[in-house]
Protein backbone atom coordinates (compact mmCIF):
# COMPACT_ATOMS: atom_id res chain seq x y z
CA MET A 1 -24.90 1.06 19.42
CA ILE A 2 -22.84 0.62 16.34
CA ARG A 3 -18.95 -0.68 16.95
CA ASN A 4 -16.43 -0.11 14.45
CA ARG A 5 -15.38 -2.72 12.62
CA VAL A 6 -11.63 -3.99 11.96
CA LEU A 7 -10.73 -4.15 8.59
CA LYS A 8 -9.65 -7.52 6.69
CA LYS A 9 -6.41 -6.59 4.84
CA PRO A 10 -7.09 -7.67 1.19
CA ARG A 11 -6.03 -10.55 -0.08
CA LYS A 12 -2.23 -11.02 -1.42
CA ASN A 13 -4.18 -12.49 -4.93
CA PHE A 14 -6.72 -9.31 -4.89
CA GLN A 15 -6.28 -6.75 -7.37
CA ASN A 16 -7.81 -3.42 -8.14
CA TYR A 17 -8.11 -4.19 -11.82
CA ARG A 18 -8.84 -1.97 -14.19
CA LYS A 19 -9.58 -2.14 -17.81
CA SER A 20 -10.63 -0.45 -21.01
CA TYR A 21 -12.14 -0.94 -24.12
CA ASP A 22 -11.57 0.78 -27.71
CA ILE A 23 -15.34 0.06 -29.90
CA ASN A 24 -15.00 0.34 -33.38
CA ILE A 25 -18.17 0.32 -35.59
CA THR A 26 -17.95 -0.82 -39.52
CA TYR A 27 -20.73 -1.32 -42.10
CA ASP A 28 -20.79 -4.56 -43.34
CA ASN A 29 -21.77 -4.93 -46.60
CA TYR A 30 -22.71 -8.93 -46.48
CA PHE A 31 -25.20 -8.84 -43.55
CA ARG A 32 -26.03 -4.86 -43.86
CA SER A 33 -25.88 -4.44 -40.93
CA ALA A 34 -23.42 -2.57 -38.45
CA ARG A 35 -20.91 -4.72 -37.28
CA ILE A 36 -18.89 -3.87 -33.70
CA TRP A 37 -15.45 -5.09 -32.48
CA PHE A 38 -13.50 -4.19 -29.39
CA LEU A 39 -10.06 -4.08 -28.84
CA GLY A 40 -9.70 -4.06 -24.29
CA TYR A 41 -6.76 -2.79 -22.02
CA ASP A 42 -5.99 -4.15 -18.66
CA GLU A 43 -4.93 -0.90 -16.15
CA PHE A 44 -0.64 -0.49 -17.52
CA ASN A 45 -2.60 -0.07 -21.08
CA TYR A 46 -1.47 -3.61 -23.11
CA PRO A 47 -4.02 -5.59 -24.87
CA LEU A 48 -5.69 -8.28 -22.32
CA SER A 49 -6.39 -11.42 -23.74
CA TYR A 50 -9.15 -13.22 -25.44
CA LYS A 51 -9.89 -14.88 -22.38
CA LYS A 52 -9.35 -11.80 -20.43
CA VAL A 53 -12.12 -10.66 -22.44
CA LEU A 54 -14.37 -13.82 -22.76
CA LYS A 55 -14.87 -13.00 -18.69
CA ASP A 56 -16.90 -9.46 -19.42
CA ILE A 57 -19.57 -11.14 -22.26
CA SER A 58 -22.01 -13.10 -21.08
CA PRO A 59 -21.86 -17.90 -21.57
CA GLU A 60 -24.75 -17.41 -23.15
CA HIS A 61 -22.90 -14.88 -26.68
CA ASN A 62 -19.43 -15.94 -26.13
CA LYS A 63 -17.96 -18.26 -28.89
CA ILE A 64 -21.30 -17.27 -31.25
CA THR A 65 -21.88 -13.93 -31.77
CA VAL A 66 -18.73 -13.27 -29.82
CA THR A 67 -15.75 -13.86 -31.86
CA ILE A 68 -11.87 -12.98 -32.21
CA ASP A 69 -11.40 -11.70 -35.72
CA PRO A 70 -9.12 -10.23 -37.67
CA HIS A 71 -10.32 -5.95 -38.15
CA PRO A 72 -11.10 -4.97 -41.76
CA TYR A 73 -9.20 -1.95 -41.02
CA GLN A 74 -6.38 -1.97 -39.02
CA GLU A 75 -4.10 -4.64 -38.27
CA LEU A 76 -5.07 -6.08 -35.44
CA ASN A 77 -7.03 -9.06 -33.90
CA PHE A 78 -10.39 -7.45 -32.62
CA ILE A 79 -13.39 -9.23 -30.24
CA ASN A 80 -16.15 -8.93 -32.73
CA VAL A 81 -19.86 -8.72 -32.55
CA HIS A 82 -21.56 -10.85 -35.02
CA PRO A 83 -24.54 -9.09 -36.73
CA CYS A 84 -26.31 -12.36 -37.54
CA LYS A 85 -26.52 -14.44 -34.95
């Protein structure tokens, strides 16, 4: 017999949080490899803070292979994946 489940109300601090990312790829002449740049946005299309973006990156790579740096062709700071590490 299947019983109807009573759904609990979601917690007040729970949100359906959606993020999106712009991805840019540039060539780094120093390392002679591609460099990947991410700029994250929240559900209201505002840029994500560095702390919020780091939650999407594994702890082994935070602040080691992934840092925030100025993009070489845009006037914004992007999350950067270092090709050398």
